[in-house]
Amino acid sequence: MSEHADIEKQRVRDDFSNAAASYDTAAVLQREVCERTLERVDMLKLQPRRVLDVGTATGRSLKGLASRFPNSSMVACD
């Protein structure tokens, strides 16, 4: 890969890292979806060994999942 491509990848990483600091505050719809999803998870009465959070963004939903499933392995993928 070229040096230019490496620099661009690093710039994109840096931009996403900078945006992450304020993302959760601005992500009103995502927060609502997360809360409603966790409510439905509570109804299922599951005890999974592993939990996969696809599209995790900043990982906000993992806190709720980890508290519900303390003995489960958490995997986040964005």
C-alpha atoms as a PDB file:
ATOM      1  CA  MET A   1       0.000   0.000   0.000  1.00  0.00           C
ATOM      2  CA  SER A   2       1.249   3.504  -0.757  1.00  0.00           C
ATOM      3  CA  GLU A   3       2.351   5.973   1.871  1.00  0.00           C
ATOM      4  CA  HIS A   4      -0.477   8.286   0.779  1.00  0.00           C
ATOM      5  CA  ALA A   5      -3.084   5.570   1.423  1.00  0.00           C
ATOM      6  CA  ASP A   6      -1.584   4.888   4.856  1.00  0.00           C
ATOM      7  CA  ILE A   7      -1.768   8.587   5.729  1.00  0.00           C
ATOM      8  CA  GLU A   8      -5.406   8.748   4.572  1.00  0.00           C
ATOM      9  CA  LYS A   9      -6.346   5.693   6.652  1.00  0.00           C
ATOM     10  CA  GLN A  10      -4.748   7.277   9.710  1.00  0.00           C
ATOM     11  CA  ARG A  11      -6.603  10.538   9.062  1.00  0.00           C
ATOM     12  CA  VAL A  12      -9.925   8.675   8.842  1.00  0.00           C
ATOM     13  CA  ARG A  13      -9.139   6.824  12.103  1.00  0.00           C
ATOM     14  CA  ASP A  14      -8.287  10.109  13.806  1.00  0.00           C
ATOM     15  CA  ASP A  15     -11.462  11.787  12.531  1.00  0.00           C
ATOM     16  CA  PHE A  16     -13.646   8.940  13.820  1.00  0.00           C
ATOM     17  CA  SER A  17     -11.865   8.986  17.181  1.00  0.00           C
ATOM     18  CA  ASN A  18     -12.445  12.722  17.520  1.00  0.00           C
ATOM     19  CA  ALA A  19     -16.118  12.379  16.587  1.00  0.00           C
ATOM     20  CA  ALA A  20     -16.655   9.514  19.051  1.00  0.00           C
ATOM     21  CA  ALA A  21     -16.215  11.853  22.013  1.00  0.00           C
ATOM     22  CA  SER A  22     -19.511  13.632  21.257  1.00  0.00           C
ATOM     23  CA  TYR A  23     -21.304  10.943  19.242  1.00  0.00           C
ATOM     24  CA  ASP A  24     -23.345   9.401  22.076  1.00  0.00           C
ATOM     25  CA  THR A  25     -24.713  12.806  23.091  1.00  0.00           C
ATOM     26  CA  ALA A  26     -25.925  13.522  19.557  1.00  0.00           C
ATOM     27  CA  ALA A  27     -27.151  10.010  18.701  1.00  0.00           C
ATOM     28  CA  VAL A  28     -30.713  10.403  19.983  1.00  0.00           C
ATOM     29  CA  LEU A  29     -32.290   7.855  17.629  1.00  0.00           C
ATOM     30  CA  GLN A  30     -29.555   5.284  18.253  1.00  0.00           C
ATOM     31  CA  ARG A  31     -29.977   5.680  22.019  1.00  0.00           C
ATOM     32  CA  GLU A  32     -33.738   5.117  21.746  1.00  0.00           C
ATOM     33  CA  VAL A  33     -33.259   2.009  19.592  1.00  0.00           C
ATOM     34  CA  CYS A  34     -30.701   0.675  22.077  1.00  0.00           C
ATOM     35  CA  GLU A  35     -33.006   1.200  25.067  1.00  0.00           C
ATOM     36  CA  ARG A  36     -35.949  -0.465  23.328  1.00  0.00           C
ATOM     37  CA  THR A  37     -33.814  -3.369  22.187  1.00  0.00           C
ATOM     38  CA  LEU A  38     -32.531  -3.940  25.727  1.00  0.00           C
ATOM     39  CA  GLU A  39     -36.131  -3.947  27.011  1.00  0.00           C
ATOM     40  CA  ARG A  40     -36.955  -6.720  24.550  1.00  0.00           C
ATOM     41  CA  VAL A  41     -33.841  -8.662  25.484  1.00  0.00           C
ATOM     42  CA  ASP A  42     -35.059  -8.624  29.094  1.00  0.00           C
ATOM     43  CA  MET A  43     -38.237 -10.412  28.020  1.00  0.00           C
ATOM     44  CA  LEU A  44     -36.327 -13.277  26.385  1.00  0.00           C
ATOM     45  CA  LYS A  45     -34.812 -14.655  29.616  1.00  0.00           C
ATOM     46  CA  LEU A  46     -31.664 -15.774  27.816  1.00  0.00           C
ATOM     47  CA  GLN A  47     -28.266 -16.568  29.327  1.00  0.00           C
ATOM     48  CA  PRO A  48     -25.960 -16.632  26.294  1.00  0.00           C
ATOM     49  CA  ARG A  49     -22.302 -17.606  26.447  1.00  0.00           C
ATOM     50  CA  ARG A  50     -21.425 -14.947  23.882  1.00  0.00           C
ATOM     51  CA  VAL A  51     -23.014 -11.676  22.819  1.00  0.00           C
ATOM     52  CA  LEU A  52     -22.187 -10.015  19.491  1.00  0.00           C
ATOM     53  CA  ASP A  53     -22.997  -6.323  19.122  1.00  0.00           C
ATOM     54  CA  VAL A  54     -22.898  -5.598  15.387  1.00  0.00           C
ATOM     55  CA  GLY A  55     -22.746  -1.916  14.467  1.00  0.00           C
ATOM     56  CA  THR A  56     -21.598  -1.043  17.961  1.00  0.00           C
ATOM     57  CA  ALA A  57     -20.319   2.477  17.152  1.00  0.00           C
ATOM     58  CA  THR A  58     -18.958   3.696  20.512  1.00  0.00           C
ATOM     59  CA  GLY A  59     -19.976   0.537  22.366  1.00  0.00           C
ATOM     60  CA  ARG A  60     -22.683   2.251  24.410  1.00  0.00           C
ATOM     61  CA  SER A  61     -25.052  -0.736  24.213  1.00  0.00           C
ATOM     62  CA  LEU A  62     -22.390  -3.084  25.575  1.00  0.00           C
ATOM     63  CA  LYS A  63     -22.802  -1.589  29.050  1.00  0.00           C
ATOM     64  CA  GLY A  64     -26.459  -2.621  29.130  1.00  0.00           C
ATOM     65  CA  LEU A  65     -25.725  -6.013  27.630  1.00  0.00           C
ATOM     66  CA  ALA A  66     -22.849  -6.693  30.033  1.00  0.00           C
ATOM     67  CA  SER A  67     -25.005  -5.841  33.052  1.00  0.00           C
ATOM     68  CA  ARG A  68     -27.712  -8.228  31.837  1.00  0.00           C
ATOM     69  CA  PHE A  69     -25.291 -11.005  30.947  1.00  0.00           C
ATOM     70  CA  PRO A  70     -22.357 -10.732  33.378  1.00  0.00           C
ATOM     71  CA  ASN A  71     -21.089 -14.239  32.606  1.00  0.00           C
ATOM     72  CA  SER A  72     -21.152 -13.768  28.831  1.00  0.00           C
ATOM     73  CA  SER A  73     -18.258 -12.922  26.566  1.00  0.00           C
ATOM     74  CA  MET A  74     -18.895  -9.597  24.791  1.00  0.00           C
ATOM     75  CA  VAL A  75     -17.777  -8.959  21.210  1.00  0.00           C
ATOM     76  CA  ALA A  76     -18.248  -5.576  19.534  1.00  0.00           C
ATOM     77  CA  CYS A  77     -18.025  -5.083  15.780  1.00  0.00           C
ATOM     78  CA  ASP A  78     -18.523  -1.808  13.967  1.00  0.00           C
END
